[in-house]
Amino acid sequence: MVNRNKSKKIFLLYVLISLAFAVFLSVMLLTATKSRRMPSLYATESSKAQRGSIISADGFHIATTKKLYKAVVNTRYIDPDKKELFVKLFSIYSGMTPKAIKKRLSKRKGVVVLSYNVPQIKAHYLKTLARELRRFKVFLELKNPATGLRSVHGLSILESGESREYPYGTLLTPVIGYPHKIEEDGYTSIKGVKGLEKRFDNELSPRQDGYSRGKRDVNSYIILNKESFTKPKINGLDIKLSIPVSFQIRIEKMLDGMKKGLRAKEVMIAVMDSKTGDVYAIASSNRYLPKKIRRSDYPSLNSSMIEYSFEPGSVLKPVTFALLLEHKLVNPYDLVNGHNGRFKIGRKVITDEHRFDWLSAENVIVYSSNIGIAQLAQRLSGYDFYQGLKKFGFASKSTPDLIYEKKGSVPSAKRLENEIYKATCAYGYGIRANLMQLLRAYSAFNNNGRMVRPRLVQSFIDEHGTVKELGYGESVQVIKSATAKRMNKILLKTVNEGTGKKAITKGLQIGGKTGTAHIVEKGQYVRKYNTAFMGFANDKKHKYTIGVIVIQPKKSQFAAQTAVPVFKKAVDIMIEEGYLEPNIVK
């Protein structure tokens, strides 16, 4: 009996052990086959590349990108006993007041954004703070109810976007253009809309975002070793301009004063090296703040230097005269009948401001005779006139560096066979051009007949400082050197004896031509005018082509009273800034 009870007990013990072992095996099998959330041994990190800068010739950043960050914290993980320490340290590193931080933290339980617009330098300091807060155990290690795993969520500094900055305000607008913000996956990026920002958007845009992956340490930071992978970020290219900030600022300030004094709608100017095409100033009196564009700024968003196409008036006469010289159809000393200031061609009556009986052919330019140039132009065939204007760059793009150019128009060769069209086009009506086209054409008169293409951008610079020079712009021999030299002398005479006397600067070679043209509104010429002065300023070492356009000045309709003084003030600034050195014999 005793042995039987003992056997039963042994058997029962055996069953219990077997059952426990079976349960153990089942649990182990279930654990082995069930998908589990294990903390990753690896961490990844990404960083956004940023847009390149636009840099002046003298090294100032006219347009640059500021990266923005946001500071994020999960309030559930902040140790209540160390909350005051967190607030105090975050206030010191971020610049936020403790009161503002506490207000943000009290809004909700969980993830809270403490700041959306953290500058890059502060973000660097806050990342350092985030590591220190972990070291001081400001954040608790809590169990995640969903996974059952324990983890720490501290302070996170995340890239939120980028902001385009213009440290010099309205400088070089509207040429520099303005950007547009694009939101993508919670990140704000920048795209160019107008001006250089748009024209060189591809070059300025980021090339490649950065990415890193590798084993993580206890704080989830990547351990950088031979097993980790890193793809570097490649920022957009910087653009180096030929325009110095110091000179551009002074020119713009001068235009502001002249616009007010002349009571003009707009005043614009461009200064270019006659040999290389480098533009040293391109300015308008109508500018705006690229980051704070108001409705009243809308008319100023276009670059009038290339987007305002107009009938140039008498500044076209030297081009017509140069074509006559080139085809050997005129001698500068030929006599031309001035018809006492009134002359009829077909049904059109042409008049002159100053009456002449007879004058030399070159004095037609010096004293700006419409009647004289209208008669001389009849010697050109319509085809030669048309081809000559096209060769001088009219009705074609003036520069590759600016966008949305209005190329204007030239009458057809057939139309220029008509004596009236030929006459009016000879003194700048019936043809449309912009300032940069005229500047380009006039460079031929100051460069032995070679016409240069204006350029604003000199080089591209990558983030390693490698410079890619773009080289000089295209130059074309549009007229013979002898023709250009003759035109140069005539334009010098125009300033010294004719309509451009107010441009005279002692010790410099100053040449140029004035122009005044009626404005067309609703198909009719009205009593509103644009005035212009196109010319050059040279010393013994430098040659510059300079163009001035004054849109609808109310003070005077004459270029000699409006555009020429602007030219003269620009030359004075160039002397003061060292671009020109007058040769004054004492």
Protein backbone atom coordinates (compact mmCIF):
# COMPACT_ATOMS: atom_id res chain seq x y z
CA MET A 1 0.00 0.00 0.00
CA VAL A 2 2.79 2.36 0.88
CA ASN A 3 4.66 1.49 -2.29
CA ARG A 4 1.52 2.12 -4.38
CA ASN A 5 1.03 5.64 -2.91
CA LYS A 6 4.66 6.41 -3.49
CA SER A 7 4.38 5.37 -7.15
CA LYS A 8 1.33 7.63 -7.60
CA LYS A 9 3.18 10.61 -6.18
CA ILE A 10 6.14 10.00 -8.45
CA PHE A 11 3.88 9.69 -11.46
CA LEU A 12 2.02 12.92 -10.56
CA LEU A 13 5.30 14.77 -10.14
CA TYR A 14 6.45 13.47 -13.50
CA VAL A 15 3.23 14.69 -15.16
CA LEU A 16 3.55 18.14 -13.61
CA ILE A 17 7.18 18.42 -14.69
CA SER A 18 6.27 17.32 -18.23
CA LEU A 19 3.39 19.76 -18.36
CA ALA A 20 5.61 22.62 -17.16
CA PHE A 21 8.23 21.67 -19.70
CA ALA A 22 5.60 21.61 -22.46
CA VAL A 23 4.36 25.07 -21.45
CA PHE A 24 7.94 26.31 -21.41
CA LEU A 25 8.59 24.92 -24.90
CA SER A 26 5.34 26.45 -26.20
CA VAL A 27 6.22 29.89 -24.81
CA MET A 28 9.72 29.68 -26.25
CA LEU A 29 8.37 28.60 -29.65
CA LEU A 30 5.81 31.41 -29.65
CA THR A 31 8.47 33.95 -28.66
CA ALA A 32 10.80 32.69 -31.39
CA THR A 33 8.17 32.76 -34.15
CA LYS A 34 6.28 35.93 -33.17
CA SER A 35 7.40 39.19 -34.88
CA ARG A 36 8.85 41.52 -32.28
CA ARG A 37 9.82 45.20 -32.15
CA MET A 38 13.44 45.24 -31.27
CA PRO A 39 15.30 48.50 -30.85
CA SER A 40 17.40 49.10 -33.95
CA LEU A 41 21.14 48.86 -33.58
CA TYR A 42 21.48 51.43 -36.36
CA ALA A 43 20.60 55.11 -36.65
CA THR A 44 20.16 57.37 -39.66
CA GLU A 45 20.61 61.11 -39.99
CA SER A 46 19.88 63.46 -42.89
CA SER A 47 20.70 67.10 -43.56
CA LYS A 48 19.38 69.41 -46.23
CA ALA A 49 21.75 71.13 -48.64
CA GLN A 50 21.06 74.82 -49.11
CA ARG A 51 20.78 77.40 -51.89
CA GLY A 52 23.90 79.24 -53.02
CA SER A 53 24.57 82.94 -52.45
CA ILE A 54 24.81 85.90 -54.82
CA ILE A 55 28.06 87.73 -54.10
CA SER A 56 29.19 91.17 -55.23
CA ALA A 57 32.51 91.89 -56.96
CA ASP A 58 33.87 93.23 -53.67
CA GLY A 59 32.89 90.11 -51.73
CA PHE A 60 29.61 91.07 -50.05
CA HIS A 61 26.71 88.59 -49.91
CA ILE A 62 23.80 90.38 -51.57
CA ALA A 63 21.51 87.35 -51.34
CA THR A 64 22.17 84.45 -49.00
CA THR A 65 20.33 81.55 -47.40
CA LYS A 66 19.68 81.14 -43.69
CA LYS A 67 18.79 77.62 -42.58
CA LEU A 68 15.96 77.39 -40.06
CA TYR A 69 15.40 74.77 -37.37
CA LYS A 70 12.65 73.89 -34.91
CA ALA A 71 13.17 72.80 -31.31
CA VAL A 72 10.90 69.91 -30.28
CA VAL A 73 10.47 68.21 -26.88
CA ASN A 74 8.14 65.53 -25.50
CA THR A 75 6.83 66.89 -22.17
CA ARG A 76 6.03 63.38 -20.83
CA TYR A 77 9.73 62.55 -20.66
CA ILE A 78 10.82 65.65 -18.69
CA ASP A 79 11.66 64.75 -15.09
CA PRO A 80 9.29 66.93 -12.97
CA ASP A 81 12.08 67.50 -10.46
CA LYS A 82 14.34 68.87 -13.22
CA LYS A 83 11.78 70.85 -15.22
CA GLU A 84 13.05 74.18 -13.85
CA LEU A 85 16.60 73.23 -14.86
CA PHE A 86 15.36 72.43 -18.39
CA VAL A 87 13.53 75.77 -18.65
CA LYS A 88 16.50 77.75 -17.37
CA LEU A 89 19.05 76.07 -19.68
CA PHE A 90 16.82 76.22 -22.76
CA SER A 91 16.20 79.92 -22.09
CA ILE A 92 19.96 80.62 -21.95
CA TYR A 93 20.72 78.70 -25.14
CA SER A 94 17.68 79.79 -27.19
CA GLY A 95 17.15 83.38 -26.08
CA MET A 96 13.49 82.68 -25.25
CA THR A 97 12.18 83.95 -21.92
CA PRO A 98 11.44 81.35 -19.20
CA LYS A 99 7.84 82.58 -19.17
CA ALA A 100 7.42 81.88 -22.90
CA ILE A 101 8.97 78.41 -22.53
CA LYS A 102 6.69 77.47 -19.62
CA LYS A 103 3.67 78.68 -21.58
CA ARG A 104 4.58 76.41 -24.49
CA LEU A 105 5.21 73.42 -22.22
CA SER A 106 1.85 73.85 -20.45
CA LYS A 107 -0.19 73.88 -23.66
CA ARG A 108 -0.31 70.11 -24.05
CA LYS A 109 1.06 66.80 -22.91
CA GLY A 110 3.32 65.13 -25.41
CA VAL A 111 5.24 66.56 -28.35
CA VAL A 112 5.60 70.36 -28.17
CA VAL A 113 7.39 72.67 -30.63
CA LEU A 114 9.18 75.26 -28.51
CA SER A 115 10.39 77.35 -31.48
CA TYR A 116 9.87 77.14 -35.25
CA ASN A 117 12.50 79.63 -36.47
CA VAL A 118 15.75 78.75 -34.75
CA PRO A 119 18.75 80.28 -36.60
CA GLN A 120 21.60 77.98 -37.61
CA ILE A 121 24.08 79.19 -34.99
CA LYS A 122 21.53 78.77 -32.16
CA ALA A 123 20.60 75.35 -33.51
CA HIS A 124 24.25 74.32 -33.11
CA TYR A 125 24.23 75.44 -29.47
CA LEU A 126 20.88 73.76 -28.79
CA LYS A 127 22.16 70.44 -30.17
CA THR A 128 25.01 70.68 -27.67
CA LEU A 129 22.45 71.43 -24.95
CA ALA A 130 20.40 68.38 -25.99
CA ARG A 131 23.39 66.11 -25.34
CA GLU A 132 24.10 67.75 -21.99
CA LEU A 133 20.47 67.38 -20.86
CA ARG A 134 20.66 63.64 -21.52
CA ARG A 135 23.91 63.47 -19.54
CA PHE A 136 22.26 65.24 -16.58
CA LYS A 137 19.31 62.80 -16.85
CA VAL A 138 16.78 65.61 -17.28
CA PHE A 139 14.68 63.17 -19.33
CA LEU A 140 13.15 60.00 -17.91
CA GLU A 141 13.36 56.54 -19.42
CA LEU A 142 9.73 55.47 -19.89
CA LYS A 143 8.02 52.34 -21.13
CA ASN A 144 6.23 52.58 -24.42
CA PRO A 145 2.76 51.03 -23.93
CA ALA A 146 2.59 49.96 -27.57
CA THR A 147 5.91 48.13 -27.68
CA GLY A 148 6.64 47.48 -24.04
CA LEU A 149 10.14 48.86 -24.59
CA ARG A 150 11.74 51.52 -22.47
CA SER A 151 13.27 54.58 -24.18
CA VAL A 152 14.28 58.20 -23.68
CA HIS A 153 12.95 61.07 -25.84
CA GLY A 154 14.88 64.25 -25.21
CA LEU A 155 15.20 67.62 -26.91
CA SER A 156 15.30 67.38 -30.72
CA ILE A 157 16.59 70.08 -33.08
CA LEU A 158 15.15 69.45 -36.56
CA GLU A 159 15.64 71.25 -39.86
CA SER A 160 12.41 73.04 -40.77
CA GLY A 161 13.43 74.97 -43.87
CA GLU A 162 15.44 77.85 -45.24
CA SER A 163 14.94 81.58 -45.53
CA ARG A 164 16.39 83.83 -48.24
CA GLU A 165 18.07 86.88 -46.76
CA TYR A 166 18.92 90.21 -48.45
CA PRO A 167 21.26 92.04 -46.04
CA TYR A 168 21.38 95.20 -48.17
CA GLY A 169 17.63 95.67 -48.51
CA THR A 170 16.66 97.09 -51.89
CA LEU A 171 20.19 96.95 -53.33
CA LEU A 172 20.32 95.79 -56.97
CA THR A 173 16.59 95.21 -57.19
CA PRO A 174 14.85 94.54 -59.47
CA VAL A 175 17.87 92.98 -61.24
CA ILE A 176 18.51 90.52 -58.40
CA GLY A 177 14.85 89.42 -58.41
CA TYR A 178 13.03 87.69 -55.58
CA PRO A 179 12.20 84.14 -54.40
CA HIS A 180 9.11 82.06 -53.71
CA LYS A 181 8.68 79.62 -50.80
CA ILE A 182 7.82 75.99 -51.51
CA GLU A 183 6.54 73.64 -48.77
CA GLU A 184 7.41 69.97 -49.25
CA ASP A 185 7.17 67.28 -46.55
CA GLY A 186 7.18 69.94 -43.85
CA TYR A 187 10.32 71.61 -45.21
CA THR A 188 10.38 75.14 -46.63
CA SER A 189 12.65 75.58 -49.64
CA ILE A 190 13.31 78.49 -52.02
CA LYS A 191 12.81 78.91 -55.79
CA GLY A 192 13.70 82.00 -57.84
CA VAL A 193 10.84 83.93 -59.46
CA LYS A 194 12.46 86.95 -61.16
CA GLY A 195 15.85 88.41 -61.99
CA LEU A 196 19.12 86.63 -61.23
CA GLU A 197 17.32 84.43 -58.69
CA LYS A 198 15.24 82.97 -61.54
CA ARG A 199 17.83 83.07 -64.35
CA PHE A 200 20.36 81.07 -62.30
CA ASP A 201 17.89 79.02 -60.26
CA ASN A 202 19.45 75.73 -61.44
CA GLU A 203 22.97 76.82 -60.46
CA LEU A 204 21.87 78.24 -57.10
CA SER A 205 19.67 75.28 -56.14
CA PRO A 206 21.06 72.57 -53.78
CA ARG A 207 22.79 69.67 -55.53
CA GLN A 208 22.47 66.84 -52.99
CA ASP A 209 21.12 66.40 -49.46
CA GLY A 210 23.38 64.80 -46.86
CA TYR A 211 22.68 61.33 -45.42
CA SER A 212 24.42 59.18 -42.79
CA ARG A 213 23.74 55.66 -41.49
CA GLY A 214 25.65 53.58 -38.97
CA LYS A 215 25.61 51.82 -35.63
CA ARG A 216 24.28 53.97 -32.83
CA ASP A 217 25.53 54.63 -29.31
CA VAL A 218 23.33 54.57 -26.19
CA ASN A 219 22.14 58.11 -26.95
CA SER A 220 21.14 57.13 -30.51
CA TYR A 221 23.97 59.11 -32.10
CA ILE A 222 25.73 57.54 -35.11
CA ILE A 223 29.15 56.02 -34.44
CA LEU A 224 31.26 57.18 -37.37
CA ASN A 225 33.67 54.42 -38.36
CA LYS A 226 34.57 52.36 -41.41
CA GLU A 227 31.25 50.50 -41.19
CA SER A 228 29.12 53.67 -41.31
CA PHE A 229 27.88 55.24 -44.56
CA THR A 230 27.91 58.97 -45.27
CA LYS A 231 26.69 60.84 -48.34
CA PRO A 232 27.82 64.47 -48.08
CA LYS A 233 25.47 67.34 -48.73
CA ILE A 234 26.33 69.48 -51.75
CA ASN A 235 25.06 73.05 -51.58
CA GLY A 236 24.12 75.15 -54.58
CA LEU A 237 26.77 77.21 -56.33
CA ASP A 238 27.54 80.77 -55.28
CA ILE A 239 27.34 83.37 -58.05
CA LYS A 240 30.01 86.09 -58.21
CA LEU A 241 28.94 89.32 -59.92
CA SER A 242 30.98 92.00 -61.66
CA ILE A 243 29.07 94.65 -59.67
CA PRO A 244 30.66 96.07 -56.49
CA VAL A 245 28.32 96.96 -53.62
CA SER A 246 30.07 100.25 -52.80
CA PHE A 247 29.63 101.65 -56.33
CA GLN A 248 26.10 100.30 -56.82
CA ILE A 249 24.91 101.87 -53.54
CA ARG A 250 26.16 105.31 -54.55
CA ILE A 251 24.64 105.08 -58.02
CA GLU A 252 21.26 104.03 -56.62
CA LYS A 253 21.26 106.84 -54.08
CA MET A 254 22.04 109.32 -56.87
CA LEU A 255 19.16 107.98 -58.99
CA ASP A 256 16.76 108.37 -56.06
CA GLY A 257 17.63 112.05 -55.83
CA MET A 258 17.44 112.60 -59.60
CA LYS A 259 14.05 110.92 -59.87
CA LYS A 260 12.70 113.31 -57.27
CA GLY A 261 14.38 116.35 -58.79
CA LEU A 262 13.28 115.57 -62.36
CA ARG A 263 9.81 114.44 -61.19
CA ALA A 264 10.24 111.35 -63.35
CA LYS A 265 8.40 108.06 -63.36
CA GLU A 266 11.71 106.18 -63.32
CA VAL A 267 15.42 106.80 -63.89
CA MET A 268 17.81 104.01 -64.85
CA ILE A 269 21.47 103.66 -65.73
CA ALA A 270 24.02 101.03 -66.73
CA VAL A 271 27.81 101.33 -66.61
CA MET A 272 29.87 98.80 -68.58
CA ASP A 273 33.52 98.20 -69.44
CA SER A 274 33.67 98.88 -73.19
CA LYS A 275 36.27 96.17 -73.83
CA THR A 276 35.16 93.26 -71.62
CA GLY A 277 31.43 93.83 -71.24
CA ASP A 278 31.69 93.70 -67.43
CA VAL A 279 28.78 95.63 -65.94
CA TYR A 280 29.84 97.69 -62.91
CA ALA A 281 26.45 99.21 -62.16
CA ILE A 282 22.94 98.52 -63.38
CA ALA A 283 20.43 100.49 -61.39
CA SER A 284 16.90 101.83 -61.27
CA SER A 285 15.29 104.42 -59.04
CA ASN A 286 12.33 102.02 -58.65
CA ARG A 287 13.30 99.26 -56.22
CA TYR A 288 11.70 97.09 -53.53
CA LEU A 289 12.45 94.85 -50.56
CA PRO A 290 12.51 91.25 -51.91
CA LYS A 291 11.12 89.81 -48.64
CA LYS A 292 8.43 92.45 -48.12
CA ILE A 293 6.86 93.05 -51.51
CA ARG A 294 3.80 95.30 -51.28
CA ARG A 295 1.09 95.86 -53.85
CA SER A 296 2.58 99.28 -54.59
CA ASP A 297 5.85 97.52 -55.56
CA TYR A 298 4.28 95.49 -58.37
CA PRO A 299 5.24 97.94 -61.17
CA SER A 300 8.86 97.82 -59.92
CA LEU A 301 9.22 94.02 -60.04
CA ASN A 302 10.29 94.07 -63.70
CA SER A 303 13.87 94.94 -64.65
CA SER A 304 13.20 98.02 -66.79
CA MET A 305 16.76 97.87 -68.15
CA ILE A 306 15.67 94.91 -70.30
CA GLU A 307 11.90 94.70 -69.84
CA TYR A 308 11.02 98.27 -70.79
CA SER A 309 11.04 98.56 -74.57
CA PHE A 310 10.63 102.06 -76.04
CA GLU A 311 11.26 104.18 -79.12
CA PRO A 312 14.80 105.47 -78.45
CA GLY A 313 14.62 108.75 -80.40
CA SER A 314 17.77 110.60 -81.39
CA VAL A 315 20.21 108.25 -79.64
CA LEU A 316 19.71 106.04 -82.70
CA LYS A 317 21.09 108.70 -85.08
CA PRO A 318 24.75 107.70 -84.50
CA VAL A 319 23.87 104.09 -85.43
CA THR A 320 22.24 105.30 -88.68
CA PHE A 321 25.22 107.55 -89.43
CA ALA A 322 27.69 104.72 -88.72
CA LEU A 323 25.88 102.52 -91.28
CA LEU A 324 26.14 105.33 -93.84
CA LEU A 325 29.87 105.64 -93.16
CA GLU A 326 30.32 101.87 -93.30
CA HIS A 327 28.71 101.70 -96.75
CA LYS A 328 30.67 104.80 -97.89
CA LEU A 329 27.45 106.67 -98.56
CA VAL A 330 28.41 109.83 -96.70
CA ASN A 331 31.41 112.02 -96.04
CA PRO A 332 31.38 113.73 -92.63
CA TYR A 333 32.05 117.04 -94.39
CA ASP A 334 29.21 116.75 -96.93
CA LEU A 335 26.78 119.66 -96.75
CA VAL A 336 23.19 118.88 -95.83
CA ASN A 337 20.23 121.22 -96.34
CA GLY A 338 18.51 122.01 -93.05
CA HIS A 339 15.48 123.52 -94.82
CA ASN A 340 15.26 126.13 -92.07
CA GLY A 341 13.82 123.61 -89.58
CA ARG A 342 10.90 122.26 -91.62
CA PHE A 343 10.99 119.56 -94.28
CA LYS A 344 8.31 117.41 -95.92
CA ILE A 345 8.84 113.81 -96.97
CA GLY A 346 5.75 112.42 -98.68
CA ARG A 347 2.86 113.35 -96.42
CA LYS A 348 5.01 113.71 -93.29
CA VAL A 349 6.44 117.02 -92.10
CA ILE A 350 9.71 116.69 -90.20
CA THR A 351 10.83 119.49 -87.91
CA ASP A 352 13.96 120.44 -85.97
CA GLU A 353 14.15 122.12 -82.58
CA HIS A 354 16.93 124.36 -83.92
CA ARG A 355 16.69 125.75 -87.44
CA PHE A 356 19.53 125.32 -89.90
CA ASP A 357 20.03 126.39 -93.50
CA TRP A 358 23.05 124.19 -94.22
CA LEU A 359 25.18 122.07 -91.95
CA SER A 360 27.88 119.42 -92.37
CA ALA A 361 26.89 115.76 -92.28
CA GLU A 362 28.68 115.17 -88.98
CA ASN A 363 26.98 118.22 -87.48
CA VAL A 364 23.68 116.50 -88.19
CA ILE A 365 24.68 114.29 -85.25
CA VAL A 366 26.35 117.06 -83.21
CA TYR A 367 23.25 119.29 -83.29
CA SER A 368 20.75 116.43 -83.57
CA SER A 369 18.99 117.37 -86.81
CA ASN A 370 16.01 115.16 -87.62
CA ILE A 371 15.77 116.74 -91.08
CA GLY A 372 19.44 116.10 -91.80
CA ILE A 373 19.50 112.41 -90.77
CA ALA A 374 16.15 111.78 -92.53
CA GLN A 375 17.66 112.96 -95.82
CA LEU A 376 20.94 111.09 -95.35
CA ALA A 377 19.15 107.85 -94.49
CA GLN A 378 17.54 107.82 -97.95
CA ARG A 379 20.95 106.78 -99.32
CA LEU A 380 20.69 103.43 -97.49
CA SER A 381 18.75 100.61 -99.11
CA GLY A 382 16.02 99.11 -96.97
CA TYR A 383 17.93 95.84 -96.87
CA ASP A 384 21.23 97.43 -95.76
CA PHE A 385 19.44 99.52 -93.12
CA TYR A 386 17.61 96.48 -91.76
CA GLN A 387 20.70 94.24 -91.73
CA GLY A 388 22.75 97.00 -90.12
CA LEU A 389 20.28 97.48 -87.26
CA LYS A 390 20.13 93.73 -86.70
CA LYS A 391 23.93 93.52 -86.72
CA PHE A 392 24.03 96.22 -84.03
CA GLY A 393 21.95 93.86 -81.87
CA PHE A 394 18.50 95.43 -82.09
CA ALA A 395 15.52 93.05 -81.80
CA SER A 396 17.81 90.42 -80.24
CA LYS A 397 18.69 89.46 -76.65
CA SER A 398 21.28 91.84 -75.18
CA THR A 399 22.70 89.74 -72.34
CA PRO A 400 22.50 86.07 -71.26
CA ASP A 401 22.48 87.04 -67.57
CA LEU A 402 19.01 88.57 -67.37
CA ILE A 403 15.63 86.99 -67.98
CA TYR A 404 12.30 87.99 -69.54
CA GLU A 405 13.92 90.52 -71.88
CA LYS A 406 11.65 92.43 -74.25
CA LYS A 407 13.73 92.37 -77.40
CA GLY A 408 11.88 95.18 -79.13
CA SER A 409 11.44 95.37 -82.89
CA VAL A 410 13.02 96.60 -86.10
CA PRO A 411 11.00 97.54 -89.22
CA SER A 412 11.28 94.97 -91.98
CA ALA A 413 13.63 95.51 -94.93
CA LYS A 414 10.61 95.99 -97.17
CA ARG A 415 9.10 98.63 -94.88
CA LEU A 416 12.45 100.43 -94.70
CA GLU A 417 12.33 100.87 -98.46
CA ASN A 418 9.55 103.39 -97.80
CA GLU A 419 11.09 106.86 -97.54
CA ILE A 420 8.92 107.88 -94.56
CA TYR A 421 9.72 104.76 -92.52
CA LYS A 422 13.37 105.11 -93.47
CA ALA A 423 13.40 108.74 -92.32
CA THR A 424 11.60 108.21 -88.99
CA CYS A 425 13.58 105.08 -88.13
CA ALA A 426 16.80 107.02 -88.81
CA TYR A 427 16.03 109.28 -85.83
CA GLY A 428 14.64 106.56 -83.57
CA TYR A 429 10.91 106.22 -84.24
CA GLY A 430 9.22 103.05 -85.48
CA ILE A 431 11.90 100.96 -83.79
CA ARG A 432 11.80 99.72 -80.21
CA ALA A 433 14.78 98.94 -77.97
CA ASN A 434 15.75 98.67 -74.31
CA LEU A 435 18.58 100.25 -72.35
CA MET A 436 20.91 97.23 -72.47
CA GLN A 437 20.52 96.89 -76.25
CA LEU A 438 21.50 100.54 -76.69
CA LEU A 439 24.40 100.11 -74.27
CA ARG A 440 25.63 97.12 -76.26
CA ALA A 441 25.34 98.99 -79.58
CA TYR A 442 27.22 102.06 -78.29
CA SER A 443 30.10 99.91 -77.01
CA ALA A 444 31.18 99.54 -80.66
CA PHE A 445 31.89 103.30 -80.86
CA ASN A 446 34.28 103.03 -77.92
CA ASN A 447 35.92 99.71 -78.79
CA ASN A 448 37.24 100.00 -82.35
CA GLY A 449 34.00 98.72 -83.86
CA ARG A 450 33.70 95.61 -81.68
CA MET A 451 30.37 95.35 -79.89
CA VAL A 452 30.56 93.49 -76.54
CA ARG A 453 27.82 91.59 -74.79
CA PRO A 454 27.05 92.95 -71.28
CA ARG A 455 27.70 90.45 -68.51
CA LEU A 456 26.82 90.64 -64.83
CA VAL A 457 27.99 87.20 -63.69
CA GLN A 458 31.73 86.57 -63.60
CA SER A 459 32.01 83.12 -62.03
CA PHE A 460 30.47 80.24 -60.11
CA ILE A 461 31.98 79.14 -56.79
CA ASP A 462 31.33 75.77 -55.15
CA GLU A 463 31.32 75.12 -51.38
CA HIS A 464 35.00 74.14 -51.47
CA GLY A 465 35.94 77.53 -52.89
CA THR A 466 36.65 76.23 -56.40
CA VAL A 467 36.02 79.04 -58.89
CA LYS A 468 34.73 78.49 -62.40
CA GLU A 469 35.34 81.63 -64.45
CA LEU A 470 32.76 82.21 -67.17
CA GLY A 471 35.07 84.17 -69.46
CA TYR A 472 34.24 87.35 -71.29
CA GLY A 473 31.07 87.75 -73.26
CA GLU A 474 30.75 87.52 -76.99
CA SER A 475 32.12 90.42 -79.04
CA VAL A 476 31.25 91.14 -82.66
CA GLN A 477 33.00 93.41 -85.18
CA VAL A 478 29.92 95.32 -86.33
CA ILE A 479 31.72 98.18 -88.09
CA LYS A 480 35.27 98.79 -89.27
CA SER A 481 37.75 100.23 -86.80
CA ALA A 482 38.08 103.38 -88.98
CA THR A 483 34.29 103.87 -88.90
CA ALA A 484 34.21 103.46 -85.11
CA LYS A 485 37.04 105.94 -84.62
CA ARG A 486 35.24 108.49 -86.75
CA MET A 487 32.02 108.00 -84.80
CA ASN A 488 33.99 108.32 -81.57
CA LYS A 489 35.26 111.75 -82.67
CA ILE A 490 31.77 112.85 -83.70
CA LEU A 491 30.35 111.83 -80.31
CA LEU A 492 33.18 113.69 -78.53
CA LYS A 493 32.29 116.75 -80.62
CA THR A 494 28.59 116.31 -79.73
CA VAL A 495 29.46 116.68 -76.05
CA ASN A 496 32.01 119.48 -76.46
CA GLU A 497 30.04 121.59 -78.97
CA GLY A 498 26.54 120.18 -79.31
CA THR A 499 23.65 118.85 -77.27
CA GLY A 500 25.71 117.07 -74.60
CA LYS A 501 27.72 119.96 -73.18
CA LYS A 502 26.52 119.37 -69.62
CA ALA A 503 28.36 116.03 -69.64
CA ILE A 504 31.80 117.66 -70.05
CA THR A 505 34.27 116.57 -67.36
CA LYS A 506 37.70 118.13 -67.41
CA GLY A 507 40.53 115.66 -67.95
CA LEU A 508 38.32 112.89 -69.39
CA GLN A 509 37.18 111.89 -72.87
CA ILE A 510 33.39 112.19 -72.74
CA GLY A 511 31.31 111.44 -75.82
CA GLY A 512 27.65 110.70 -76.36
CA LYS A 513 24.31 111.53 -77.86
CA THR A 514 21.08 112.85 -76.39
CA GLY A 515 17.66 111.55 -77.33
CA THR A 516 14.05 112.56 -76.68
CA ALA A 517 11.05 110.59 -77.90
CA HIS A 518 7.28 110.96 -77.58
CA ILE A 519 5.45 108.13 -75.81
CA VAL A 520 2.65 106.21 -77.51
CA GLU A 521 -0.57 105.64 -75.57
CA LYS A 522 -3.52 103.82 -77.15
CA GLY A 523 -1.91 104.04 -80.57
CA GLN A 524 -1.33 107.80 -80.43
CA TYR A 525 1.71 109.93 -79.61
CA VAL A 526 0.99 112.00 -76.51
CA ARG A 527 2.74 114.91 -74.84
CA LYS A 528 4.80 112.64 -72.62
CA TYR A 529 8.46 111.86 -73.22
CA ASN A 530 11.31 109.53 -72.53
CA THR A 531 14.77 111.05 -72.58
CA ALA A 532 18.12 109.33 -72.98
CA PHE A 533 21.83 109.90 -73.09
CA MET A 534 24.08 107.14 -74.46
CA GLY A 535 27.80 107.63 -74.44
CA PHE A 536 31.20 106.85 -73.01
CA ALA A 537 33.71 108.10 -70.45
CA ASN A 538 37.43 107.33 -70.87
CA ASP A 539 40.72 108.10 -69.19
CA LYS A 540 44.16 106.88 -70.22
CA LYS A 541 43.58 103.35 -68.81
CA HIS A 542 39.82 102.77 -68.77
CA LYS A 543 36.96 102.87 -71.25
CA TYR A 544 33.35 102.76 -70.10
CA THR A 545 30.08 102.75 -72.01
CA ILE A 546 27.29 104.42 -70.03
CA GLY A 547 23.58 104.63 -70.77
CA VAL A 548 20.86 106.67 -69.04
CA ILE A 549 17.10 106.53 -69.57
CA VAL A 550 14.64 108.89 -67.85
CA ILE A 551 11.01 107.81 -68.15
CA GLN A 552 8.46 110.62 -68.33
CA PRO A 553 10.34 113.46 -66.61
CA LYS A 554 8.01 116.35 -65.82
CA LYS A 555 10.71 118.93 -65.18
CA SER A 556 11.78 119.06 -68.85
CA GLN A 557 11.24 117.16 -72.08
CA PHE A 558 14.86 117.68 -73.18
CA ALA A 559 17.54 115.06 -72.60
CA ALA A 560 20.13 117.80 -72.08
CA GLN A 561 18.20 118.89 -68.97
CA THR A 562 17.34 115.40 -67.67
CA ALA A 563 19.41 112.43 -68.87
CA VAL A 564 22.72 114.29 -69.30
CA PRO A 565 22.88 115.50 -65.66
CA VAL A 566 22.34 111.91 -64.50
CA PHE A 567 25.23 110.80 -66.72
CA LYS A 568 27.43 113.59 -65.35
CA LYS A 569 26.70 112.69 -61.72
CA ALA A 570 27.53 109.04 -62.46
CA VAL A 571 30.88 110.06 -63.95
CA ASP A 572 31.61 112.19 -60.88
CA ILE A 573 30.95 109.15 -58.65
CA MET A 574 33.23 107.03 -60.84
CA ILE A 575 36.04 109.55 -60.33
CA GLU A 576 35.50 109.58 -56.56
CA GLU A 577 35.44 105.77 -56.43
CA GLY A 578 38.63 105.47 -58.51
CA TYR A 579 37.13 104.02 -61.69
CA LEU A 580 38.23 107.06 -63.70
CA GLU A 581 41.33 109.23 -63.26
CA PRO A 582 41.09 112.63 -64.99
CA ASN A 583 44.30 113.78 -66.68
CA ILE A 584 44.42 117.37 -65.49
CA VAL A 585 47.51 119.32 -66.51
CA LYS A 586 48.31 122.01 -63.95
